[in-house]
Amino acid sequence: MRLLPFLRPRREQRARPLLSEDKRQQLIEAEGKFTEALADHAVKMDWARRIALDTLEKLDERHAK
């Protein structure tokens, strides 16, 4: 007699992993590289914003004279 799926022991219900360990490791590495690139981009954008704001302040000061 076969048991219904909800009555089977849990060890029989374990699903096969969707990704191989190699592919999983590749995804983790790619995620790390992407995160690093995103952080570098954010730093560059922050510097660009600061430079733009400083330039605008200087232009305002010159214009006010």
PDB file of N, CA and C in Angstrom:
ATOM      1  N   MET A   1       0.844  -1.188   0.000  1.00  0.00           N
ATOM      2  CA  MET A   1       0.000   0.000   0.000  1.00  0.00           C
ATOM      3  C   MET A   1       0.885   1.245   0.000  1.00  0.00           C
ATOM      4  N   ARG A   2       0.619   2.121  -0.930  1.00  0.00           N
ATOM      5  CA  ARG A   2       1.391   3.369  -1.012  1.00  0.00           C
ATOM      6  C   ARG A   2       0.719   4.443  -0.169  1.00  0.00           C
ATOM      7  N   LEU A   3       1.567   5.201   0.536  1.00  0.00           N
ATOM      8  CA  LEU A   3       1.028   6.284   1.356  1.00  0.00           C
ATOM      9  C   LEU A   3       0.775   7.516   0.497  1.00  0.00           C
ATOM     10  N   LEU A   4      -0.185   8.289   0.887  1.00  0.00           N
ATOM     11  CA  LEU A   4      -0.441   9.549   0.206  1.00  0.00           C
ATOM     12  C   LEU A   4       0.763  10.469   0.396  1.00  0.00           C
ATOM     13  N   PRO A   5       1.005  11.407  -0.536  1.00  0.00           N
ATOM     14  CA  PRO A   5       2.206  12.252  -0.451  1.00  0.00           C
ATOM     15  C   PRO A   5       2.357  12.977   0.881  1.00  0.00           C
ATOM     16  N   PHE A   6       1.265  13.451   1.469  1.00  0.00           N
ATOM     17  CA  PHE A   6       1.375  14.194   2.723  1.00  0.00           C
ATOM     18  C   PHE A   6       1.620  13.281   3.923  1.00  0.00           C
ATOM     19  N   LEU A   7       1.530  11.971   3.745  1.00  0.00           N
ATOM     20  CA  LEU A   7       1.799  11.036   4.829  1.00  0.00           C
ATOM     21  C   LEU A   7       3.184  10.393   4.721  1.00  0.00           C
ATOM     22  N   ARG A   8       3.896  10.643   3.619  1.00  0.00           N
ATOM     23  CA  ARG A   8       5.216  10.058   3.432  1.00  0.00           C
ATOM     24  C   ARG A   8       6.233  10.732   4.344  1.00  0.00           C
ATOM     25  N   PRO A   9       7.231   9.982   4.761  1.00  0.00           N
ATOM     26  CA  PRO A   9       8.307  10.594   5.551  1.00  0.00           C
ATOM     27  C   PRO A   9       9.003  11.699   4.751  1.00  0.00           C
ATOM     28  N   ARG A  10       9.492  12.710   5.445  1.00  0.00           N
ATOM     29  CA  ARG A  10      10.103  13.867   4.798  1.00  0.00           C
ATOM     30  C   ARG A  10      11.312  13.499   3.945  1.00  0.00           C
ATOM     31  N   ARG A  11      12.094  12.540   4.370  1.00  0.00           N
ATOM     32  CA  ARG A  11      13.310  12.224   3.619  1.00  0.00           C
ATOM     33  C   ARG A  11      12.981  11.771   2.200  1.00  0.00           C
ATOM     34  N   GLU A  12      11.819  11.226   1.983  1.00  0.00           N
ATOM     35  CA  GLU A  12      11.407  10.806   0.651  1.00  0.00           C
ATOM     36  C   GLU A  12      10.926  11.994  -0.185  1.00  0.00           C
ATOM     37  N   GLN A  13      10.586  13.077   0.460  1.00  0.00           N
ATOM     38  CA  GLN A  13      10.038  14.221  -0.247  1.00  0.00           C
ATOM     39  C   GLN A  13      11.106  15.221  -0.681  1.00  0.00           C
ATOM     40  N   ARG A  14      12.370  14.990  -0.296  1.00  0.00           N
ATOM     41  CA  ARG A  14      13.424  15.947  -0.645  1.00  0.00           C
ATOM     42  C   ARG A  14      13.482  16.142  -2.150  1.00  0.00           C
ATOM     43  N   ALA A  15      13.414  17.369  -2.550  1.00  0.00           N
ATOM     44  CA  ALA A  15      13.475  17.675  -3.976  1.00  0.00           C
ATOM     45  C   ALA A  15      14.926  17.722  -4.433  1.00  0.00           C
ATOM     46  N   ARG A  16      15.128  17.367  -5.664  1.00  0.00           N
ATOM     47  CA  ARG A  16      16.452  17.464  -6.257  1.00  0.00           C
ATOM     48  C   ARG A  16      16.839  18.930  -6.378  1.00  0.00           C
ATOM     49  N   PRO A  17      18.083  19.298  -6.147  1.00  0.00           N
ATOM     50  CA  PRO A  17      18.473  20.701  -6.304  1.00  0.00           C
ATOM     51  C   PRO A  17      18.240  21.173  -7.739  1.00  0.00           C
ATOM     52  N   LEU A  18      17.825  22.421  -7.874  1.00  0.00           N
ATOM     53  CA  LEU A  18      17.565  22.945  -9.210  1.00  0.00           C
ATOM     54  C   LEU A  18      18.854  23.204  -9.981  1.00  0.00           C
ATOM     55  N   LEU A  19      19.922  23.530  -9.257  1.00  0.00           N
ATOM     56  CA  LEU A  19      21.205  23.816  -9.888  1.00  0.00           C
ATOM     57  C   LEU A  19      22.275  22.862  -9.381  1.00  0.00           C
ATOM     58  N   SER A  20      23.213  22.576 -10.262  1.00  0.00           N
ATOM     59  CA  SER A  20      24.355  21.777  -9.811  1.00  0.00           C
ATOM     60  C   SER A  20      25.206  22.655  -8.896  1.00  0.00           C
ATOM     61  N   GLU A  21      26.053  22.030  -8.121  1.00  0.00           N
ATOM     62  CA  GLU A  21      26.916  22.776  -7.198  1.00  0.00           C
ATOM     63  C   GLU A  21      27.834  23.719  -7.965  1.00  0.00           C
ATOM     64  N   ASP A  22      28.304  23.282  -9.132  1.00  0.00           N
ATOM     65  CA  ASP A  22      29.184  24.122  -9.957  1.00  0.00           C
ATOM     66  C   ASP A  22      28.456  25.376 -10.442  1.00  0.00           C
ATOM     67  N   LYS A  23      27.245  25.203 -10.941  1.00  0.00           N
ATOM     68  CA  LYS A  23      26.448  26.349 -11.418  1.00  0.00           C
ATOM     69  C   LYS A  23      26.091  27.272 -10.261  1.00  0.00           C
ATOM     70  N   ARG A  24      25.791  26.697  -9.113  1.00  0.00           N
ATOM     71  CA  ARG A  24      25.460  27.490  -7.924  1.00  0.00           C
ATOM     72  C   ARG A  24      26.649  28.351  -7.524  1.00  0.00           C
ATOM     73  N   GLN A  25      27.854  27.755  -7.555  1.00  0.00           N
ATOM     74  CA  GLN A  25      29.064  28.495  -7.213  1.00  0.00           C
ATOM     75  C   GLN A  25      29.323  29.613  -8.216  1.00  0.00           C
ATOM     76  N   GLN A  26      29.084  29.346  -9.492  1.00  0.00           N
ATOM     77  CA  GLN A  26      29.253  30.365 -10.537  1.00  0.00           C
ATOM     78  C   GLN A  26      28.303  31.535 -10.300  1.00  0.00           C
ATOM     79  N   LEU A  27      27.072  31.235  -9.918  1.00  0.00           N
ATOM     80  CA  LEU A  27      26.101  32.297  -9.637  1.00  0.00           C
ATOM     81  C   LEU A  27      26.514  33.129  -8.434  1.00  0.00           C
ATOM     82  N   ILE A  28      27.037  32.486  -7.411  1.00  0.00           N
ATOM     83  CA  ILE A  28      27.495  33.217  -6.223  1.00  0.00           C
ATOM     84  C   ILE A  28      28.638  34.149  -6.592  1.00  0.00           C
ATOM     85  N   GLU A  29      29.580  33.660  -7.399  1.00  0.00           N
ATOM     86  CA  GLU A  29      30.703  34.493  -7.833  1.00  0.00           C
ATOM     87  C   GLU A  29      30.222  35.657  -8.700  1.00  0.00           C
ATOM     88  N   ALA A  30      29.293  35.389  -9.598  1.00  0.00           N
ATOM     89  CA  ALA A  30      28.759  36.447 -10.464  1.00  0.00           C
ATOM     90  C   ALA A  30      28.024  37.497  -9.638  1.00  0.00           C
ATOM     91  N   GLU A  31      27.298  37.046  -8.620  1.00  0.00           N
ATOM     92  CA  GLU A  31      26.591  37.984  -7.752  1.00  0.00           C
ATOM     93  C   GLU A  31      27.581  38.891  -7.014  1.00  0.00           C
ATOM     94  N   GLY A  32      28.685  38.307  -6.561  1.00  0.00           N
ATOM     95  CA  GLY A  32      29.719  39.090  -5.893  1.00  0.00           C
ATOM     96  C   GLY A  32      30.328  40.134  -6.810  1.00  0.00           C
ATOM     97  N   LYS A  33      30.622  39.738  -8.040  1.00  0.00           N
ATOM     98  CA  LYS A  33      31.188  40.680  -9.018  1.00  0.00           C
ATOM     99  C   LYS A  33      30.191  41.793  -9.335  1.00  0.00           C
ATOM    100  N   PHE A  34      28.929  41.428  -9.479  1.00  0.00           N
ATOM    101  CA  PHE A  34      27.902  42.424  -9.775  1.00  0.00           C
ATOM    102  C   PHE A  34      27.758  43.418  -8.621  1.00  0.00           C
ATOM    103  N   THR A  35      27.762  42.902  -7.394  1.00  0.00           N
ATOM    104  CA  THR A  35      27.646  43.764  -6.214  1.00  0.00           C
ATOM    105  C   THR A  35      28.821  44.727  -6.143  1.00  0.00           C
ATOM    106  N   GLU A  36      30.017  44.224  -6.433  1.00  0.00           N
ATOM    107  CA  GLU A  36      31.211  45.073  -6.417  1.00  0.00           C
ATOM    108  C   GLU A  36      31.127  46.156  -7.494  1.00  0.00           C
ATOM    109  N   ALA A  37      30.693  45.785  -8.680  1.00  0.00           N
ATOM    110  CA  ALA A  37      30.556  46.756  -9.769  1.00  0.00           C
ATOM    111  C   ALA A  37      29.505  47.811  -9.426  1.00  0.00           C
ATOM    112  N   LEU A  38      28.424  47.388  -8.811  1.00  0.00           N
ATOM    113  CA  LEU A  38      27.369  48.321  -8.418  1.00  0.00           C
ATOM    114  C   LEU A  38      27.879  49.305  -7.367  1.00  0.00           C
ATOM    115  N   ALA A  39      28.661  48.814  -6.425  1.00  0.00           N
ATOM    116  CA  ALA A  39      29.232  49.686  -5.395  1.00  0.00           C
ATOM    117  C   ALA A  39      30.208  50.682  -6.020  1.00  0.00           C
ATOM    118  N   ASP A  40      31.039  50.224  -6.955  1.00  0.00           N
ATOM    119  CA  ASP A  40      31.972  51.124  -7.644  1.00  0.00           C
ATOM    120  C   ASP A  40      31.210  52.210  -8.395  1.00  0.00           C
ATOM    121  N   HIS A  41      30.137  51.808  -9.036  1.00  0.00           N
ATOM    122  CA  HIS A  41      29.323  52.767  -9.785  1.00  0.00           C
ATOM    123  C   HIS A  41      28.711  53.807  -8.841  1.00  0.00           C
ATOM    124  N   ALA A  42      28.236  53.352  -7.696  1.00  0.00           N
ATOM    125  CA  ALA A  42      27.629  54.279  -6.729  1.00  0.00           C
ATOM    126  C   ALA A  42      28.652  55.295  -6.240  1.00  0.00           C
ATOM    127  N   VAL A  43      29.891  54.852  -6.011  1.00  0.00           N
ATOM    128  CA  VAL A  43      30.943  55.768  -5.576  1.00  0.00           C
ATOM    129  C   VAL A  43      31.221  56.798  -6.668  1.00  0.00           C
ATOM    130  N   LYS A  44      31.315  56.337  -7.905  1.00  0.00           N
ATOM    131  CA  LYS A  44      31.571  57.259  -9.018  1.00  0.00           C
ATOM    132  C   LYS A  44      30.433  58.271  -9.173  1.00  0.00           C
ATOM    133  N   MET A  45      29.209  57.797  -9.024  1.00  0.00           N
ATOM    134  CA  MET A  45      28.062  58.698  -9.151  1.00  0.00           C
ATOM    135  C   MET A  45      28.045  59.717  -8.008  1.00  0.00           C
ATOM    136  N   ASP A  46      28.449  59.299  -6.818  1.00  0.00           N
ATOM    137  CA  ASP A  46      28.510  60.220  -5.693  1.00  0.00           C
ATOM    138  C   ASP A  46      29.547  61.302  -5.949  1.00  0.00           C
ATOM    139  N   TRP A  47      30.711  60.902  -6.466  1.00  0.00           N
ATOM    140  CA  TRP A  47      31.736  61.905  -6.797  1.00  0.00           C
ATOM    141  C   TRP A  47      31.235  62.853  -7.874  1.00  0.00           C
ATOM    142  N   ALA A  48      30.564  62.325  -8.889  1.00  0.00           N
ATOM    143  CA  ALA A  48      30.035  63.169  -9.965  1.00  0.00           C
ATOM    144  C   ALA A  48      29.014  64.164  -9.410  1.00  0.00           C
ATOM    145  N   ARG A  49      28.176  63.713  -8.496  1.00  0.00           N
ATOM    146  CA  ARG A  49      27.182  64.595  -7.880  1.00  0.00           C
ATOM    147  C   ARG A  49      27.859  65.703  -7.085  1.00  0.00           C
ATOM    148  N   ARG A  50      28.882  65.328  -6.313  1.00  0.00           N
ATOM    149  CA  ARG A  50      29.600  66.336  -5.518  1.00  0.00           C
ATOM    150  C   ARG A  50      30.275  67.378  -6.414  1.00  0.00           C
ATOM    151  N   ILE A  51      30.894  66.926  -7.477  1.00  0.00           N
ATOM    152  CA  ILE A  51      31.564  67.843  -8.404  1.00  0.00           C
ATOM    153  C   ILE A  51      30.544  68.777  -9.041  1.00  0.00           C
ATOM    154  N   ALA A  52      29.401  68.218  -9.447  1.00  0.00           N
ATOM    155  CA  ALA A  52      28.360  69.041 -10.072  1.00  0.00           C
ATOM    156  C   ALA A  52      27.833  70.088  -9.088  1.00  0.00           C
ATOM    157  N   LEU A  53      27.603  69.691  -7.846  1.00  0.00           N
ATOM    158  CA  LEU A  53      27.109  70.645  -6.846  1.00  0.00           C
ATOM    159  C   LEU A  53      28.132  71.740  -6.561  1.00  0.00           C
ATOM    160  N   ASP A  54      29.415  71.367  -6.451  1.00  0.00           N
ATOM    161  CA  ASP A  54      30.467  72.371  -6.236  1.00  0.00           C
ATOM    162  C   ASP A  54      30.536  73.340  -7.404  1.00  0.00           C
ATOM    163  N   THR A  55      30.420  72.817  -8.602  1.00  0.00           N
ATOM    164  CA  THR A  55      30.467  73.669  -9.795  1.00  0.00           C
ATOM    165  C   THR A  55      29.290  74.636  -9.802  1.00  0.00           C
ATOM    166  N   LEU A  56      28.116  74.137  -9.475  1.00  0.00           N
ATOM    167  CA  LEU A  56      26.937  75.012  -9.436  1.00  0.00           C
ATOM    168  C   LEU A  56      27.086  76.098  -8.375  1.00  0.00           C
ATOM    169  N   GLU A  57      27.636  75.744  -7.213  1.00  0.00           N
ATOM    170  CA  GLU A  57      27.846  76.744  -6.162  1.00  0.00           C
ATOM    171  C   GLU A  57      28.823  77.826  -6.631  1.00  0.00           C
ATOM    172  N   LYS A  58      29.887  77.423  -7.288  1.00  0.00           N
ATOM    173  CA  LYS A  58      30.864  78.391  -7.789  1.00  0.00           C
ATOM    174  C   LYS A  58      30.246  79.298  -8.850  1.00  0.00           C
ATOM    175  N   LEU A  59      29.433  78.712  -9.715  1.00  0.00           N
ATOM    176  CA  LEU A  59      28.769  79.520 -10.745  1.00  0.00           C
ATOM    177  C   LEU A  59      27.797  80.497 -10.106  1.00  0.00           C
ATOM    178  N   ASP A  60      27.071  80.060  -9.078  1.00  0.00           N
ATOM    179  CA  ASP A  60      26.159  80.953  -8.368  1.00  0.00           C
ATOM    180  C   ASP A  60      26.913  82.098  -7.712  1.00  0.00           C
ATOM    181  N   GLU A  61      28.074  81.775  -7.089  1.00  0.00           N
ATOM    182  CA  GLU A  61      28.883  82.824  -6.450  1.00  0.00           C
ATOM    183  C   GLU A  61      29.387  83.840  -7.467  1.00  0.00           C
ATOM    184  N   ARG A  62      29.829  83.365  -8.612  1.00  0.00           N
ATOM    185  CA  ARG A  62      30.319  84.278  -9.654  1.00  0.00           C
ATOM    186  C   ARG A  62      29.180  85.131 -10.203  1.00  0.00           C
ATOM    187  N   HIS A  63      28.028  84.514 -10.352  1.00  0.00           N
ATOM    188  CA  HIS A  63      26.883  85.221 -10.900  1.00  0.00           C
ATOM    189  C   HIS A  63      26.368  86.286  -9.910  1.00  0.00           C
ATOM    190  N   ALA A  64      26.503  86.009  -8.599  1.00  0.00           N
ATOM    191  CA  ALA A  64      26.019  86.946  -7.582  1.00  0.00           C
ATOM    192  C   ALA A  64      26.906  88.176  -7.469  1.00  0.00           C
ATOM    193  N   LYS A  65      28.175  88.092  -7.919  1.00  0.00           N
ATOM    194  CA  LYS A  65      29.085  89.233  -7.814  1.00  0.00           C
ATOM    195  C   LYS A  65      28.749  90.324  -8.746  1.00  0.00           C
TER     196      LYS A  65
END
